[in-house]
Each structure stands twice: as C-alpha cells, then as structure tokens.
Amino acid sequence: MRRNMKRIMALAVSMVAALPALAHAAAGKAADLVVVADTRVIDSGILRYFADLYNTNPTMNATWAVILTAVYGCFLGVLMDFLLSRTGLDLTSRKIVEH
C-alpha cells in the first residue's frame, strides 16, 4: 500500500512539474514580446519625453523613475510634517523611551 502511494505521489509531482512545458508546447513557437508606449496620442511635452525615453532608453527611464520617486517621497514627507505640526503634533521633539 505504501509503495503504491509513493508511486502515485511521484506521478502527480512529475505531472505538475510538466504542466508549464505542455502549455508552452501547445502555444506553438514563442515570439519576442515588445512593449512600447504609444506616442501618437500624447500632446504634452513632458509626457512625450518620458514616453520616448521609455521606448528608447530603459536604463535612463529607470534612473528617472528612481529619482522622481525619491523627490516625491521627500515632498510628501515635508508636506505631512507641515500638516501634522499645524494640527499640534510636533514630531521633531519626540522623546524615544526604551525599556
């Protein structure tokens, strides 16, 4: 009984492992996928710049994404600090007490 259970489990595992290969074989020959931004309908200059940058230079696009994310995070941090200080929560004079 135990021996049959091991065989059934081995068969089930091998079938699950073979599923991606079977799905790929059913689809036929794989083609390269190209993702581009459609710049034909963009009117704004800055949006056109970033769409063209996305299409032509992925490294520079990633660099801009990192820089703009950091700038936006700093802006939101300063804005929230200002809003919290206006409500009476001053986070600059916070004392940390550890036990």
PDB file of N, CA and C in Angstrom:
ATOM      1  N   MET A   1       0.822  -1.188   0.000  1.00  0.00           N
ATOM      2  CA  MET A   1       0.000   0.000   0.000  1.00  0.00           C
ATOM      3  C   MET A   1       0.867   1.253   0.000  1.00  0.00           C
ATOM      4  N   ARG A   2       1.880   1.250   0.865  1.00  0.00           N
ATOM      5  CA  ARG A   2       2.758   2.394   0.973  1.00  0.00           C
ATOM      6  C   ARG A   2       3.549   2.610  -0.322  1.00  0.00           C
ATOM      7  N   ARG A   3       3.934   1.523  -0.923  1.00  0.00           N
ATOM      8  CA  ARG A   3       4.718   1.585  -2.155  1.00  0.00           C
ATOM      9  C   ARG A   3       3.874   2.203  -3.286  1.00  0.00           C
ATOM     10  N   ASN A   4       2.612   1.818  -3.359  1.00  0.00           N
ATOM     11  CA  ASN A   4       1.718   2.373  -4.373  1.00  0.00           C
ATOM     12  C   ASN A   4       1.472   3.866  -4.129  1.00  0.00           C
ATOM     13  N   MET A   5       1.370   4.257  -2.877  1.00  0.00           N
ATOM     14  CA  MET A   5       1.151   5.663  -2.556  1.00  0.00           C
ATOM     15  C   MET A   5       2.342   6.503  -2.985  1.00  0.00           C
ATOM     16  N   LYS A   6       3.553   5.980  -2.789  1.00  0.00           N
ATOM     17  CA  LYS A   6       4.755   6.702  -3.214  1.00  0.00           C
ATOM     18  C   LYS A   6       4.794   6.849  -4.726  1.00  0.00           C
ATOM     19  N   ARG A   7       4.388   5.820  -5.444  1.00  0.00           N
ATOM     20  CA  ARG A   7       4.359   5.881  -6.904  1.00  0.00           C
ATOM     21  C   ARG A   7       3.327   6.897  -7.391  1.00  0.00           C
ATOM     22  N   ILE A   8       2.174   6.903  -6.754  1.00  0.00           N
ATOM     23  CA  ILE A   8       1.126   7.847  -7.135  1.00  0.00           C
ATOM     24  C   ILE A   8       1.583   9.280  -6.869  1.00  0.00           C
ATOM     25  N   MET A   9       2.222   9.508  -5.740  1.00  0.00           N
ATOM     26  CA  MET A   9       2.718  10.845  -5.415  1.00  0.00           C
ATOM     27  C   MET A   9       3.808  11.274  -6.395  1.00  0.00           C
ATOM     28  N   ALA A  10       4.711  10.365  -6.748  1.00  0.00           N
ATOM     29  CA  ALA A  10       5.764  10.675  -7.705  1.00  0.00           C
ATOM     30  C   ALA A  10       5.172  11.009  -9.064  1.00  0.00           C
ATOM     31  N   LEU A  11       4.154  10.279  -9.473  1.00  0.00           N
ATOM     32  CA  LEU A  11       3.489  10.549 -10.740  1.00  0.00           C
ATOM     33  C   LEU A  11       2.791  11.907 -10.722  1.00  0.00           C
ATOM     34  N   ALA A  12       2.132  12.217  -9.616  1.00  0.00           N
ATOM     35  CA  ALA A  12       1.437  13.502  -9.501  1.00  0.00           C
ATOM     36  C   ALA A  12       2.424  14.666  -9.542  1.00  0.00           C
ATOM     37  N   VAL A  13       3.543  14.529  -8.838  1.00  0.00           N
ATOM     38  CA  VAL A  13       4.554  15.588  -8.827  1.00  0.00           C
ATOM     39  C   VAL A  13       5.146  15.776 -10.219  1.00  0.00           C
ATOM     40  N   SER A  14       5.428  14.697 -10.920  1.00  0.00           N
ATOM     41  CA  SER A  14       6.001  14.812 -12.259  1.00  0.00           C
ATOM     42  C   SER A  14       5.005  15.427 -13.237  1.00  0.00           C
ATOM     43  N   MET A  15       3.711  15.146 -13.069  1.00  0.00           N
ATOM     44  CA  MET A  15       2.704  15.743 -13.939  1.00  0.00           C
ATOM     45  C   MET A  15       2.591  17.239 -13.693  1.00  0.00           C
ATOM     46  N   VAL A  16       2.622  17.650 -12.435  1.00  0.00           N
ATOM     47  CA  VAL A  16       2.550  19.073 -12.107  1.00  0.00           C
ATOM     48  C   VAL A  16       3.793  19.796 -12.619  1.00  0.00           C
ATOM     49  N   ALA A  17       4.942  19.162 -12.520  1.00  0.00           N
ATOM     50  CA  ALA A  17       6.176  19.775 -12.993  1.00  0.00           C
ATOM     51  C   ALA A  17       6.186  19.903 -14.510  1.00  0.00           C
ATOM     52  N   ALA A  18       5.468  19.033 -15.208  1.00  0.00           N
ATOM     53  CA  ALA A  18       5.458  19.055 -16.670  1.00  0.00           C
ATOM     54  C   ALA A  18       4.409  20.001 -17.249  1.00  0.00           C
ATOM     55  N   LEU A  19       3.511  20.536 -16.435  1.00  0.00           N
ATOM     56  CA  LEU A  19       2.442  21.389 -16.947  1.00  0.00           C
ATOM     57  C   LEU A  19       2.943  22.638 -17.688  1.00  0.00           C
ATOM     58  N   PRO A  20       3.916  23.380 -17.181  1.00  0.00           N
ATOM     59  CA  PRO A  20       4.377  24.552 -17.946  1.00  0.00           C
ATOM     60  C   PRO A  20       4.941  24.183 -19.307  1.00  0.00           C
ATOM     61  N   ALA A  21       5.671  23.081 -19.394  1.00  0.00           N
ATOM     62  CA  ALA A  21       6.223  22.661 -20.683  1.00  0.00           C
ATOM     63  C   ALA A  21       5.111  22.262 -21.640  1.00  0.00           C
ATOM     64  N   LEU A  22       4.081  21.621 -21.145  1.00  0.00           N
ATOM     65  CA  LEU A  22       2.966  21.242 -22.003  1.00  0.00           C
ATOM     66  C   LEU A  22       2.205  22.469 -22.487  1.00  0.00           C
ATOM     67  N   ALA A  23       2.014  23.448 -21.631  1.00  0.00           N
ATOM     68  CA  ALA A  23       1.317  24.668 -22.032  1.00  0.00           C
ATOM     69  C   ALA A  23       2.124  25.424 -23.080  1.00  0.00           C
ATOM     70  N   HIS A  24       3.432  25.461 -22.920  1.00  0.00           N
ATOM     71  CA  HIS A  24       4.290  26.139 -23.891  1.00  0.00           C
ATOM     72  C   HIS A  24       4.262  25.408 -25.224  1.00  0.00           C
ATOM     73  N   ALA A  25       4.253  24.107 -25.196  1.00  0.00           N
ATOM     74  CA  ALA A  25       4.232  23.321 -26.427  1.00  0.00           C
ATOM     75  C   ALA A  25       2.900  23.487 -27.151  1.00  0.00           C
ATOM     76  N   ALA A  26       1.834  23.668 -26.417  1.00  0.00           N
ATOM     77  CA  ALA A  26       0.524  23.823 -27.035  1.00  0.00           C
ATOM     78  C   ALA A  26       0.387  25.174 -27.733  1.00  0.00           C
ATOM     79  N   ALA A  27       1.125  26.161 -27.278  1.00  0.00           N
ATOM     80  CA  ALA A  27       1.005  27.500 -27.842  1.00  0.00           C
ATOM     81  C   ALA A  27       1.764  27.647 -29.145  1.00  0.00           C
ATOM     82  N   GLY A  28       2.665  26.790 -29.447  1.00  0.00           N
ATOM     83  CA  GLY A  28       3.442  26.906 -30.674  1.00  0.00           C
ATOM     84  C   GLY A  28       4.753  27.615 -30.417  1.00  0.00           C
ATOM     85  N   LYS A  29       5.339  28.147 -31.493  1.00  0.00           N
ATOM     86  CA  LYS A  29       6.626  28.813 -31.374  1.00  0.00           C
ATOM     87  C   LYS A  29       6.475  30.130 -30.633  1.00  0.00           C
ATOM     88  N   ALA A  30       7.362  30.365 -29.698  1.00  0.00           N
ATOM     89  CA  ALA A  30       7.306  31.585 -28.904  1.00  0.00           C
ATOM     90  C   ALA A  30       7.906  32.734 -29.701  1.00  0.00           C
ATOM     91  N   ALA A  31       7.316  33.901 -29.545  1.00  0.00           N
ATOM     92  CA  ALA A  31       7.818  35.106 -30.206  1.00  0.00           C
ATOM     93  C   ALA A  31       8.235  36.101 -29.143  1.00  0.00           C
ATOM     94  N   ASP A  32       9.156  36.984 -29.495  1.00  0.00           N
ATOM     95  CA  ASP A  32       9.587  38.013 -28.559  1.00  0.00           C
ATOM     96  C   ASP A  32       8.451  39.009 -28.346  1.00  0.00           C
ATOM     97  N   LEU A  33       8.275  39.408 -27.113  1.00  0.00           N
ATOM     98  CA  LEU A  33       7.236  40.362 -26.757  1.00  0.00           C
ATOM     99  C   LEU A  33       7.868  41.742 -26.655  1.00  0.00           C
ATOM    100  N   VAL A  34       7.330  42.696 -27.377  1.00  0.00           N
ATOM    101  CA  VAL A  34       7.854  44.053 -27.372  1.00  0.00           C
ATOM    102  C   VAL A  34       6.779  44.961 -26.795  1.00  0.00           C
ATOM    103  N   VAL A  35       7.117  45.663 -25.723  1.00  0.00           N
ATOM    104  CA  VAL A  35       6.186  46.578 -25.083  1.00  0.00           C
ATOM    105  C   VAL A  35       6.675  47.995 -25.340  1.00  0.00           C
ATOM    106  N   VAL A  36       5.835  48.801 -25.960  1.00  0.00           N
ATOM    107  CA  VAL A  36       6.193  50.191 -26.253  1.00  0.00           C
ATOM    108  C   VAL A  36       5.047  51.103 -25.841  1.00  0.00           C
ATOM    109  N   ALA A  37       5.394  52.359 -25.591  1.00  0.00           N
ATOM    110  CA  ALA A  37       4.384  53.368 -25.291  1.00  0.00           C
ATOM    111  C   ALA A  37       3.923  53.986 -26.603  1.00  0.00           C
ATOM    112  N   ASP A  38       2.626  54.173 -26.741  1.00  0.00           N
ATOM    113  CA  ASP A  38       2.061  54.767 -27.952  1.00  0.00           C
ATOM    114  C   ASP A  38       2.168  56.285 -27.839  1.00  0.00           C
ATOM    115  N   THR A  39       3.061  56.879 -28.621  1.00  0.00           N
ATOM    116  CA  THR A  39       3.301  58.325 -28.538  1.00  0.00           C
ATOM    117  C   THR A  39       2.496  59.114 -29.557  1.00  0.00           C
ATOM    118  N   ARG A  40       1.646  58.464 -30.311  1.00  0.00           N
ATOM    119  CA  ARG A  40       0.878  59.174 -31.334  1.00  0.00           C
ATOM    120  C   ARG A  40      -0.199  60.063 -30.745  1.00  0.00           C
ATOM    121  N   VAL A  41      -0.670  59.740 -29.561  1.00  0.00           N
ATOM    122  CA  VAL A  41      -1.793  60.482 -28.990  1.00  0.00           C
ATOM    123  C   VAL A  41      -1.378  61.399 -27.840  1.00  0.00           C
ATOM    124  N   ILE A  42      -0.081  61.540 -27.599  1.00  0.00           N
ATOM    125  CA  ILE A  42       0.385  62.350 -26.474  1.00  0.00           C
ATOM    126  C   ILE A  42       0.645  63.774 -26.949  1.00  0.00           C
ATOM    127  N   ASP A  43       0.022  64.745 -26.267  1.00  0.00           N
ATOM    128  CA  ASP A  43       0.185  66.151 -26.637  1.00  0.00           C
ATOM    129  C   ASP A  43       1.176  66.881 -25.735  1.00  0.00           C
ATOM    130  N   SER A  44       1.231  66.508 -24.472  1.00  0.00           N
ATOM    131  CA  SER A  44       2.083  67.189 -23.504  1.00  0.00           C
ATOM    132  C   SER A  44       3.556  66.906 -23.778  1.00  0.00           C
ATOM    133  N   GLY A  45       4.388  67.923 -23.636  1.00  0.00           N
ATOM    134  CA  GLY A  45       5.813  67.782 -23.905  1.00  0.00           C
ATOM    135  C   GLY A  45       6.522  66.860 -22.933  1.00  0.00           C
ATOM    136  N   ILE A  46       6.236  66.991 -21.637  1.00  0.00           N
ATOM    137  CA  ILE A  46       6.934  66.189 -20.638  1.00  0.00           C
ATOM    138  C   ILE A  46       6.488  64.723 -20.728  1.00  0.00           C
ATOM    139  N   LEU A  47       5.201  64.502 -20.989  1.00  0.00           N
ATOM    140  CA  LEU A  47       4.727  63.129 -21.147  1.00  0.00           C
ATOM    141  C   LEU A  47       5.308  62.497 -22.407  1.00  0.00           C
ATOM    142  N   ARG A  48       5.450  63.293 -23.460  1.00  0.00           N
ATOM    143  CA  ARG A  48       6.057  62.794 -24.698  1.00  0.00           C
ATOM    144  C   ARG A  48       7.521  62.422 -24.460  1.00  0.00           C
ATOM    145  N   TYR A  49       8.226  63.264 -23.660  1.00  0.00           N
ATOM    146  CA  TYR A  49       9.629  62.986 -23.341  1.00  0.00           C
ATOM    147  C   TYR A  49       9.768  61.652 -22.619  1.00  0.00           C
ATOM    148  N   PHE A  50       8.937  61.423 -21.610  1.00  0.00           N
ATOM    149  CA  PHE A  50       9.039  60.186 -20.845  1.00  0.00           C
ATOM    150  C   PHE A  50       8.586  58.971 -21.659  1.00  0.00           C
ATOM    151  N   ALA A  51       7.602  59.146 -22.540  1.00  0.00           N
ATOM    152  CA  ALA A  51       7.179  58.033 -23.395  1.00  0.00           C
ATOM    153  C   ALA A  51       8.288  57.666 -24.378  1.00  0.00           C
ATOM    154  N   ASP A  52       8.923  58.662 -24.987  1.00  0.00           N
ATOM    155  CA  ASP A  52      10.037  58.391 -25.895  1.00  0.00           C
ATOM    156  C   ASP A  52      11.214  57.779 -25.147  1.00  0.00           C
ATOM    157  N   LEU A  53      11.464  58.263 -23.933  1.00  0.00           N
ATOM    158  CA  LEU A  53      12.542  57.707 -23.118  1.00  0.00           C
ATOM    159  C   LEU A  53      12.269  56.249 -22.771  1.00  0.00           C
ATOM    160  N   TYR A  54      11.017  55.930 -22.465  1.00  0.00           N
ATOM    161  CA  TYR A  54      10.622  54.547 -22.166  1.00  0.00           C
ATOM    162  C   TYR A  54      10.861  53.646 -23.377  1.00  0.00           C
ATOM    163  N   ASN A  55      10.574  54.172 -24.562  1.00  0.00           N
ATOM    164  CA  ASN A  55      10.719  53.374 -25.782  1.00  0.00           C
ATOM    165  C   ASN A  55      12.170  53.197 -26.199  1.00  0.00           C
ATOM    166  N   THR A  56      13.028  54.185 -25.925  1.00  0.00           N
ATOM    167  CA  THR A  56      14.377  54.148 -26.477  1.00  0.00           C
ATOM    168  C   THR A  56      15.462  53.779 -25.478  1.00  0.00           C
ATOM    169  N   ASN A  57      15.332  54.199 -24.222  1.00  0.00           N
ATOM    170  CA  ASN A  57      16.415  54.021 -23.264  1.00  0.00           C
ATOM    171  C   ASN A  57      15.861  53.542 -21.916  1.00  0.00           C
ATOM    172  N   PRO A  58      15.725  52.250 -21.709  1.00  0.00           N
ATOM    173  CA  PRO A  58      15.150  51.746 -20.454  1.00  0.00           C
ATOM    174  C   PRO A  58      15.987  52.080 -19.214  1.00  0.00           C
ATOM    175  N   THR A  59      17.304  52.164 -19.376  1.00  0.00           N
ATOM    176  CA  THR A  59      18.156  52.475 -18.225  1.00  0.00           C
ATOM    177  C   THR A  59      17.916  53.897 -17.733  1.00  0.00           C
ATOM    178  N   MET A  60      17.853  54.841 -18.658  1.00  0.00           N
ATOM    179  CA  MET A  60      17.594  56.223 -18.267  1.00  0.00           C
ATOM    180  C   MET A  60      16.175  56.379 -17.725  1.00  0.00           C
ATOM    181  N   ASN A  61      15.241  55.630 -18.278  1.00  0.00           N
ATOM    182  CA  ASN A  61      13.880  55.658 -17.768  1.00  0.00           C
ATOM    183  C   ASN A  61      13.833  55.161 -16.323  1.00  0.00           C
ATOM    184  N   ALA A  62      14.574  54.087 -16.021  1.00  0.00           N
ATOM    185  CA  ALA A  62      14.624  53.565 -14.651  1.00  0.00           C
ATOM    186  C   ALA A  62      15.302  54.556 -13.716  1.00  0.00           C
ATOM    187  N   THR A  63      16.337  55.246 -14.214  1.00  0.00           N
ATOM    188  CA  THR A  63      17.019  56.253 -13.405  1.00  0.00           C
ATOM    189  C   THR A  63      16.081  57.398 -13.055  1.00  0.00           C
ATOM    190  N   TRP A  64      15.340  57.875 -14.045  1.00  0.00           N
ATOM    191  CA  TRP A  64      14.358  58.932 -13.781  1.00  0.00           C
ATOM    192  C   TRP A  64      13.284  58.462 -12.804  1.00  0.00           C
ATOM    193  N   ALA A  65      12.864  57.224 -12.928  1.00  0.00           N
ATOM    194  CA  ALA A  65      11.834  56.703 -12.023  1.00  0.00           C
ATOM    195  C   ALA A  65      12.333  56.694 -10.581  1.00  0.00           C
ATOM    196  N   VAL A  66      13.577  56.296 -10.370  1.00  0.00           N
ATOM    197  CA  VAL A  66      14.146  56.276  -9.015  1.00  0.00           C
ATOM    198  C   VAL A  66      14.272  57.695  -8.473  1.00  0.00           C
ATOM    199  N   ILE A  67      14.778  58.607  -9.288  1.00  0.00           N
ATOM    200  CA  ILE A  67      14.966  59.993  -8.846  1.00  0.00           C
ATOM    201  C   ILE A  67      13.630  60.643  -8.522  1.00  0.00           C
ATOM    202  N   LEU A  68      12.653  60.496  -9.414  1.00  0.00           N
ATOM    203  CA  LEU A  68      11.357  61.134  -9.189  1.00  0.00           C
ATOM    204  C   LEU A  68      10.610  60.514  -8.004  1.00  0.00           C
ATOM    205  N   THR A  69      10.786  59.219  -7.775  1.00  0.00           N
ATOM    206  CA  THR A  69      10.163  58.582  -6.614  1.00  0.00           C
ATOM    207  C   THR A  69      10.752  59.122  -5.321  1.00  0.00           C
ATOM    208  N   ALA A  70      12.076  59.323  -5.284  1.00  0.00           N
ATOM    209  CA  ALA A  70      12.716  59.867  -4.091  1.00  0.00           C
ATOM    210  C   ALA A  70      12.290  61.318  -3.852  1.00  0.00           C
ATOM    211  N   VAL A  71      12.219  62.110  -4.911  1.00  0.00           N
ATOM    212  CA  VAL A  71      11.800  63.509  -4.773  1.00  0.00           C
ATOM    213  C   VAL A  71      10.357  63.586  -4.304  1.00  0.00           C
ATOM    214  N   TYR A  72       9.507  62.751  -4.877  1.00  0.00           N
ATOM    215  CA  TYR A  72       8.105  62.744  -4.476  1.00  0.00           C
ATOM    216  C   TYR A  72       7.947  62.286  -3.024  1.00  0.00           C
ATOM    217  N   GLY A  73       8.739  61.312  -2.607  1.00  0.00           N
ATOM    218  CA  GLY A  73       8.695  60.870  -1.216  1.00  0.00           C
ATOM    219  C   GLY A  73       9.132  61.955  -0.248  1.00  0.00           C
ATOM    220  N   CYS A  74      10.191  62.689  -0.602  1.00  0.00           N
ATOM    221  CA  CYS A  74      10.645  63.804   0.245  1.00  0.00           C
ATOM    222  C   CYS A  74       9.581  64.893   0.320  1.00  0.00           C
ATOM    223  N   PHE A  75       8.977  65.190  -0.831  1.00  0.00           N
ATOM    224  CA  PHE A  75       7.919  66.206  -0.861  1.00  0.00           C
ATOM    225  C   PHE A  75       6.756  65.806   0.039  1.00  0.00           C
ATOM    226  N   LEU A  76       6.319  64.552  -0.065  1.00  0.00           N
ATOM    227  CA  LEU A  76       5.212  64.100   0.784  1.00  0.00           C
ATOM    228  C   LEU A  76       5.592  64.084   2.266  1.00  0.00           C
ATOM    229  N   GLY A  77       6.846  63.747   2.572  1.00  0.00           N
ATOM    230  CA  GLY A  77       7.290  63.763   3.961  1.00  0.00           C
ATOM    231  C   GLY A  77       7.272  65.166   4.553  1.00  0.00           C
ATOM    232  N   VAL A  78       7.773  66.134   3.798  1.00  0.00           N
ATOM    233  CA  VAL A  78       7.778  67.535   4.268  1.00  0.00           C
ATOM    234  C   VAL A  78       6.346  68.047   4.387  1.00  0.00           C
ATOM    235  N   LEU A  79       5.499  67.717   3.417  1.00  0.00           N
ATOM    236  CA  LEU A  79       4.104  68.153   3.465  1.00  0.00           C
ATOM    237  C   LEU A  79       3.381  67.561   4.673  1.00  0.00           C
ATOM    238  N   MET A  80       3.578  66.285   4.943  1.00  0.00           N
ATOM    239  CA  MET A  80       2.918  65.667   6.095  1.00  0.00           C
ATOM    240  C   MET A  80       3.459  66.213   7.414  1.00  0.00           C
ATOM    241  N   ASP A  81       4.753  66.495   7.467  1.00  0.00           N
ATOM    242  CA  ASP A  81       5.331  67.099   8.666  1.00  0.00           C
ATOM    243  C   ASP A  81       4.709  68.466   8.918  1.00  0.00           C
ATOM    244  N   PHE A  82       4.528  69.233   7.845  1.00  0.00           N
ATOM    245  CA  PHE A  82       3.899  70.544   7.978  1.00  0.00           C
ATOM    246  C   PHE A  82       2.459  70.417   8.448  1.00  0.00           C
ATOM    247  N   LEU A  83       1.703  69.506   7.829  1.00  0.00           N
ATOM    248  CA  LEU A  83       0.298  69.346   8.209  1.00  0.00           C
ATOM    249  C   LEU A  83       0.149  68.830   9.637  1.00  0.00           C
ATOM    250  N   LEU A  84       1.006  67.901  10.047  1.00  0.00           N
ATOM    251  CA  LEU A  84       0.919  67.388  11.413  1.00  0.00           C
ATOM    252  C   LEU A  84       1.313  68.448  12.441  1.00  0.00           C
ATOM    253  N   SER A  85       2.289  69.287  12.097  1.00  0.00           N
ATOM    254  CA  SER A  85       2.660  70.349  13.030  1.00  0.00           C
ATOM    255  C   SER A  85       1.552  71.384  13.146  1.00  0.00           C
ATOM    256  N   ARG A  86       0.774  71.588  12.072  1.00  0.00           N
ATOM    257  CA  ARG A  86      -0.353  72.527  12.131  1.00  0.00           C
ATOM    258  C   ARG A  86      -1.478  71.977  13.004  1.00  0.00           C
ATOM    259  N   THR A  87      -1.568  70.649  13.128  1.00  0.00           N
ATOM    260  CA  THR A  87      -2.608  70.075  13.974  1.00  0.00           C
ATOM    261  C   THR A  87      -2.157  69.921  15.421  1.00  0.00           C
ATOM    262  N   GLY A  88      -0.901  70.262  15.703  1.00  0.00           N
ATOM    263  CA  GLY A  88      -0.413  70.198  17.070  1.00  0.00           C
ATOM    264  C   GLY A  88       0.479  69.013  17.356  1.00  0.00           C
ATOM    265  N   LEU A  89       0.732  68.164  16.394  1.00  0.00           N
ATOM    266  CA  LEU A  89       1.617  67.021  16.588  1.00  0.00           C
ATOM    267  C   LEU A  89       3.011  67.398  16.099  1.00  0.00           C
ATOM    268  N   ASP A  90       3.890  67.705  17.030  1.00  0.00           N
ATOM    269  CA  ASP A  90       5.251  68.092  16.662  1.00  0.00           C
ATOM    270  C   ASP A  90       6.146  66.859  16.783  1.00  0.00           C
ATOM    271  N   LEU A  91       6.573  66.341  15.654  1.00  0.00           N
ATOM    272  CA  LEU A  91       7.375  65.127  15.649  1.00  0.00           C
ATOM    273  C   LEU A  91       8.860  65.391  15.803  1.00  0.00           C
ATOM    274  N   THR A  92       9.289  66.648  15.796  1.00  0.00           N
ATOM    275  CA  THR A  92      10.713  66.948  15.903  1.00  0.00           C
ATOM    276  C   THR A  92      11.196  66.839  17.348  1.00  0.00           C
ATOM    277  N   SER A  93      10.333  67.024  18.330  1.00  0.00           N
ATOM    278  CA  SER A  93      10.750  66.986  19.735  1.00  0.00           C
ATOM    279  C   SER A  93      10.302  65.685  20.406  1.00  0.00           C
ATOM    280  N   ARG A  94      10.187  64.649  19.650  1.00  0.00           N
ATOM    281  CA  ARG A  94       9.731  63.384  20.194  1.00  0.00           C
ATOM    282  C   ARG A  94      10.842  62.714  20.994  1.00  0.00           C
ATOM    283  N   LYS A  95      10.513  62.226  22.164  1.00  0.00           N
ATOM    284  CA  LYS A  95      11.478  61.519  23.008  1.00  0.00           C
ATOM    285  C   LYS A  95      11.192  60.044  22.916  1.00  0.00           C
ATOM    286  N   ILE A  96      12.234  59.286  22.609  1.00  0.00           N
ATOM    287  CA  ILE A  96      12.087  57.841  22.498  1.00  0.00           C
ATOM    288  C   ILE A  96      12.495  57.219  23.833  1.00  0.00           C
ATOM    289  N   VAL A  97      11.574  56.476  24.407  1.00  0.00           N
ATOM    290  CA  VAL A  97      11.839  55.822  25.681  1.00  0.00           C
ATOM    291  C   VAL A  97      11.831  54.321  25.421  1.00  0.00           C
ATOM    292  N   GLU A  98      12.978  53.699  25.687  1.00  0.00           N
ATOM    293  CA  GLU A  98      13.067  52.267  25.508  1.00  0.00           C
ATOM    294  C   GLU A  98      13.263  51.609  26.866  1.00  0.00           C
ATOM    295  N   HIS A  99      12.601  50.531  27.062  1.00  0.00           N
ATOM    296  CA  HIS A  99      12.710  49.832  28.362  1.00  0.00           C
ATOM    297  C   HIS A  99      13.598  48.646  28.231  1.00  0.00           C
TER     298      HIS A  99
END
